[in-house]
């Protein structure tokens, strides 16, 4: 009985961890992606009416931008 309760709480903790990580990635990725997208497209993308598909694209742009900046820092520090 104790093992099943422990497994349940372990699963619940893992689920909460995943949800929190996704929320944080979504917020940070979207925020950075929005700024980068507005700067690169001179304010044309994303539009004022954001769809779920567009929100995903902007989040991926933000995550890619963060990864490129971190890669640039790593390369610069390696010189």
N, C-alpha and C. Protein backbone atom coordinates (compact mmCIF):
# COMPACT_ATOMS: atom_id res chain seq x y z
N UNK A 1 0.82 -1.19 0.00
CA UNK A 1 0.00 0.00 0.00
C UNK A 1 0.87 1.27 0.00
N UNK A 2 1.89 1.24 0.82
CA UNK A 2 2.77 2.40 0.92
C UNK A 2 3.51 2.67 -0.39
N UNK A 3 3.86 1.60 -1.08
CA UNK A 3 4.56 1.75 -2.36
C UNK A 3 3.67 2.39 -3.42
N UNK A 4 2.40 2.04 -3.44
CA UNK A 4 1.49 2.60 -4.44
C UNK A 4 1.23 4.08 -4.16
N UNK A 5 1.13 4.46 -2.90
CA UNK A 5 0.94 5.87 -2.55
C UNK A 5 2.18 6.67 -2.92
N UNK A 6 3.34 6.09 -2.64
CA UNK A 6 4.60 6.75 -2.98
C UNK A 6 4.72 6.92 -4.50
N UNK A 7 4.33 5.90 -5.27
CA UNK A 7 4.37 5.99 -6.72
C UNK A 7 3.40 7.05 -7.24
N UNK A 8 2.23 7.13 -6.62
CA UNK A 8 1.25 8.14 -7.02
C UNK A 8 1.79 9.55 -6.80
N UNK A 9 2.37 9.80 -5.63
CA UNK A 9 2.91 11.13 -5.35
C UNK A 9 4.12 11.44 -6.23
N UNK A 10 4.91 10.44 -6.57
CA UNK A 10 6.03 10.65 -7.49
C UNK A 10 5.52 11.04 -8.87
N UNK A 11 4.44 10.38 -9.32
CA UNK A 11 3.84 10.71 -10.61
C UNK A 11 3.23 12.10 -10.59
N UNK A 12 2.56 12.45 -9.49
CA UNK A 12 1.96 13.76 -9.35
C UNK A 12 3.03 14.85 -9.35
N UNK A 13 4.12 14.61 -8.65
CA UNK A 13 5.23 15.58 -8.63
C UNK A 13 5.84 15.75 -10.01
N UNK A 14 5.99 14.67 -10.74
CA UNK A 14 6.53 14.75 -12.10
C UNK A 14 5.60 15.52 -13.02
N UNK A 15 4.31 15.31 -12.88
CA UNK A 15 3.34 16.03 -13.68
C UNK A 15 3.37 17.53 -13.39
N UNK A 16 3.41 17.88 -12.12
CA UNK A 16 3.47 19.30 -11.74
C UNK A 16 4.77 19.95 -12.23
N UNK A 17 5.87 19.22 -12.15
CA UNK A 17 7.15 19.73 -12.63
C UNK A 17 7.09 20.02 -14.13
N UNK A 18 6.51 19.10 -14.89
CA UNK A 18 6.38 19.27 -16.33
C UNK A 18 5.48 20.46 -16.67
N UNK A 19 4.37 20.60 -15.97
CA UNK A 19 3.46 21.71 -16.22
C UNK A 19 4.13 23.04 -15.92
N UNK A 20 4.85 23.13 -14.82
CA UNK A 20 5.55 24.37 -14.46
C UNK A 20 6.62 24.70 -15.49
N UNK A 21 7.36 23.69 -15.92
CA UNK A 21 8.39 23.92 -16.94
C UNK A 21 7.78 24.42 -18.24
N UNK A 22 6.68 23.84 -18.66
CA UNK A 22 6.03 24.27 -19.90
C UNK A 22 5.51 25.69 -19.79
N UNK A 23 4.96 26.04 -18.64
CA UNK A 23 4.45 27.40 -18.45
C UNK A 23 5.60 28.40 -18.48
N UNK A 24 6.69 28.09 -17.81
CA UNK A 24 7.84 28.99 -17.79
C UNK A 24 8.43 29.13 -19.19
N UNK A 25 8.58 28.02 -19.89
CA UNK A 25 9.12 28.09 -21.25
C UNK A 25 8.20 28.88 -22.16
N UNK A 26 6.90 28.67 -22.02
CA UNK A 26 5.94 29.40 -22.85
C UNK A 26 6.02 30.90 -22.60
N UNK A 27 6.06 31.29 -21.35
CA UNK A 27 6.09 32.72 -21.03
C UNK A 27 7.40 33.38 -21.45
N UNK A 28 8.51 32.76 -21.11
CA UNK A 28 9.81 33.35 -21.46
C UNK A 28 10.02 33.29 -22.96
N UNK A 29 9.71 32.14 -23.56
CA UNK A 29 9.87 31.99 -25.01
C UNK A 29 9.00 32.95 -25.78
N UNK A 30 7.76 33.13 -25.36
CA UNK A 30 6.87 34.05 -26.07
C UNK A 30 7.33 35.49 -25.90
N UNK A 31 7.73 35.85 -24.70
CA UNK A 31 8.19 37.23 -24.46
C UNK A 31 9.40 37.59 -25.29
N UNK A 32 10.38 36.73 -25.30
CA UNK A 32 11.60 36.99 -26.08
C UNK A 32 11.28 36.92 -27.57
N UNK A 33 10.48 35.93 -27.96
CA UNK A 33 10.11 35.79 -29.37
C UNK A 33 9.32 36.96 -29.89
N UNK A 34 8.46 37.52 -29.05
CA UNK A 34 7.67 38.69 -29.46
C UNK A 34 8.59 39.87 -29.74
N UNK A 35 9.54 40.11 -28.86
CA UNK A 35 10.47 41.23 -29.06
C UNK A 35 11.32 41.01 -30.30
N UNK A 36 11.86 39.82 -30.46
CA UNK A 36 12.71 39.52 -31.63
C UNK A 36 11.89 39.62 -32.91
N UNK A 37 10.69 39.06 -32.91
CA UNK A 37 9.85 39.11 -34.11
C UNK A 37 9.48 40.53 -34.49
N UNK A 38 9.11 41.34 -33.51
CA UNK A 38 8.78 42.74 -33.79
C UNK A 38 9.99 43.49 -34.33
N UNK A 39 11.18 43.22 -33.79
CA UNK A 39 12.38 43.93 -34.23
C UNK A 39 12.79 43.50 -35.64
N UNK A 40 12.75 42.21 -35.92
CA UNK A 40 13.20 41.71 -37.22
C UNK A 40 12.22 42.06 -38.33
N UNK A 41 10.93 42.02 -38.05
CA UNK A 41 9.93 42.29 -39.09
C UNK A 41 9.44 43.72 -39.07
N UNK A 42 10.09 44.58 -38.31
CA UNK A 42 9.72 45.99 -38.21
C UNK A 42 8.27 46.18 -37.78
N UNK A 43 7.80 45.34 -36.84
CA UNK A 43 6.48 45.49 -36.26
C UNK A 43 5.35 44.82 -37.00
N UNK A 44 5.63 44.04 -38.03
CA UNK A 44 4.55 43.41 -38.80
C UNK A 44 4.10 42.08 -38.22
N UNK A 45 4.98 41.37 -37.54
CA UNK A 45 4.66 40.05 -36.97
C UNK A 45 5.06 40.05 -35.51
N UNK A 46 4.35 39.58 -34.61
CA UNK A 46 3.01 39.00 -34.66
C UNK A 46 1.94 40.08 -34.70
N UNK A 47 0.82 39.71 -35.26
CA UNK A 47 -0.27 40.66 -35.41
C UNK A 47 -0.95 40.91 -34.06
N UNK A 48 -1.86 41.85 -34.03
CA UNK A 48 -2.53 42.18 -32.77
C UNK A 48 -3.49 41.07 -32.34
N UNK A 49 -4.03 40.31 -33.29
CA UNK A 49 -4.90 39.18 -32.99
C UNK A 49 -4.06 37.91 -33.06
N UNK A 50 -3.63 37.41 -31.92
CA UNK A 50 -2.72 36.27 -31.87
C UNK A 50 -3.51 34.97 -31.83
N UNK A 51 -3.25 34.09 -32.80
CA UNK A 51 -3.85 32.77 -32.80
C UNK A 51 -2.93 31.81 -32.04
N UNK A 52 -3.44 30.63 -31.76
CA UNK A 52 -2.64 29.64 -31.02
C UNK A 52 -1.44 29.19 -31.86
N UNK A 53 -1.63 29.05 -33.16
CA UNK A 53 -0.54 28.66 -34.05
C UNK A 53 0.55 29.74 -34.08
N UNK A 54 0.12 30.98 -34.16
CA UNK A 54 1.06 32.09 -34.19
C UNK A 54 1.80 32.20 -32.86
N UNK A 55 1.11 31.94 -31.77
CA UNK A 55 1.73 31.99 -30.45
C UNK A 55 2.82 30.92 -30.33
N UNK A 56 2.57 29.75 -30.88
CA UNK A 56 3.58 28.69 -30.87
C UNK A 56 4.80 29.07 -31.69
N UNK A 57 4.57 29.66 -32.85
CA UNK A 57 5.69 30.08 -33.69
C UNK A 57 6.55 31.13 -32.99
N UNK A 58 5.90 32.08 -32.34
CA UNK A 58 6.63 33.14 -31.64
C UNK A 58 7.41 32.56 -30.47
N UNK A 59 6.85 31.57 -29.77
CA UNK A 59 7.56 30.93 -28.68
C UNK A 59 8.79 30.19 -29.18
N UNK A 60 8.67 29.51 -30.32
CA UNK A 60 9.82 28.81 -30.89
C UNK A 60 10.89 29.80 -31.35
N UNK A 61 10.48 30.93 -31.89
CA UNK A 61 11.45 31.97 -32.28
C UNK A 61 12.20 32.46 -31.04
N UNK A 62 11.49 32.65 -29.95
CA UNK A 62 12.12 33.08 -28.71
C UNK A 62 13.09 32.07 -28.16
N UNK A 63 12.69 30.79 -28.16
CA UNK A 63 13.59 29.75 -27.66
C UNK A 63 14.82 29.61 -28.55
N UNK A 64 14.63 29.72 -29.87
CA UNK A 64 15.78 29.65 -30.78
C UNK A 64 16.70 30.85 -30.57
N UNK A 65 16.13 32.02 -30.32
CA UNK A 65 16.94 33.22 -30.08
C UNK A 65 17.76 33.07 -28.81
N UNK A 66 17.14 32.55 -27.77
CA UNK A 66 17.86 32.33 -26.51
C UNK A 66 19.00 31.33 -26.72
N UNK A 67 18.72 30.24 -27.46
CA UNK A 67 19.74 29.24 -27.72
C UNK A 67 20.90 29.83 -28.53
N UNK A 68 20.59 30.66 -29.52
CA UNK A 68 21.66 31.28 -30.32
C UNK A 68 22.50 32.24 -29.50
N UNK A 69 21.87 32.99 -28.62
CA UNK A 69 22.62 33.91 -27.77
C UNK A 69 23.54 33.13 -26.83
N UNK A 70 23.02 32.06 -26.23
CA UNK A 70 23.85 31.24 -25.35
C UNK A 70 24.99 30.58 -26.11
N UNK A 71 24.73 30.14 -27.34
CA UNK A 71 25.77 29.55 -28.17
C UNK A 71 26.83 30.60 -28.52
N UNK A 72 26.41 31.81 -28.83
CA UNK A 72 27.34 32.89 -29.12
C UNK A 72 28.21 33.22 -27.92
N UNK A 73 27.62 33.23 -26.74
CA UNK A 73 28.39 33.49 -25.53
C UNK A 73 29.41 32.39 -25.30
N UNK A 74 29.00 31.14 -25.51
CA UNK A 74 29.92 30.01 -25.33
C UNK A 74 31.09 30.08 -26.31
N UNK A 75 30.81 30.41 -27.56
CA UNK A 75 31.87 30.51 -28.56
C UNK A 75 32.80 31.67 -28.24
N UNK A 76 32.25 32.80 -27.85
CA UNK A 76 33.05 33.96 -27.53
C UNK A 76 33.96 33.69 -26.32
N UNK A 77 33.44 33.01 -25.32
CA UNK A 77 34.24 32.70 -24.14
C UNK A 77 35.29 31.64 -24.40
N UNK A 78 35.10 30.85 -25.45
CA UNK A 78 36.07 29.81 -25.80
C UNK A 78 37.26 30.34 -26.56
N UNK A 79 37.22 31.58 -27.01
CA UNK A 79 38.31 32.14 -27.82
C UNK A 79 39.48 32.54 -26.98
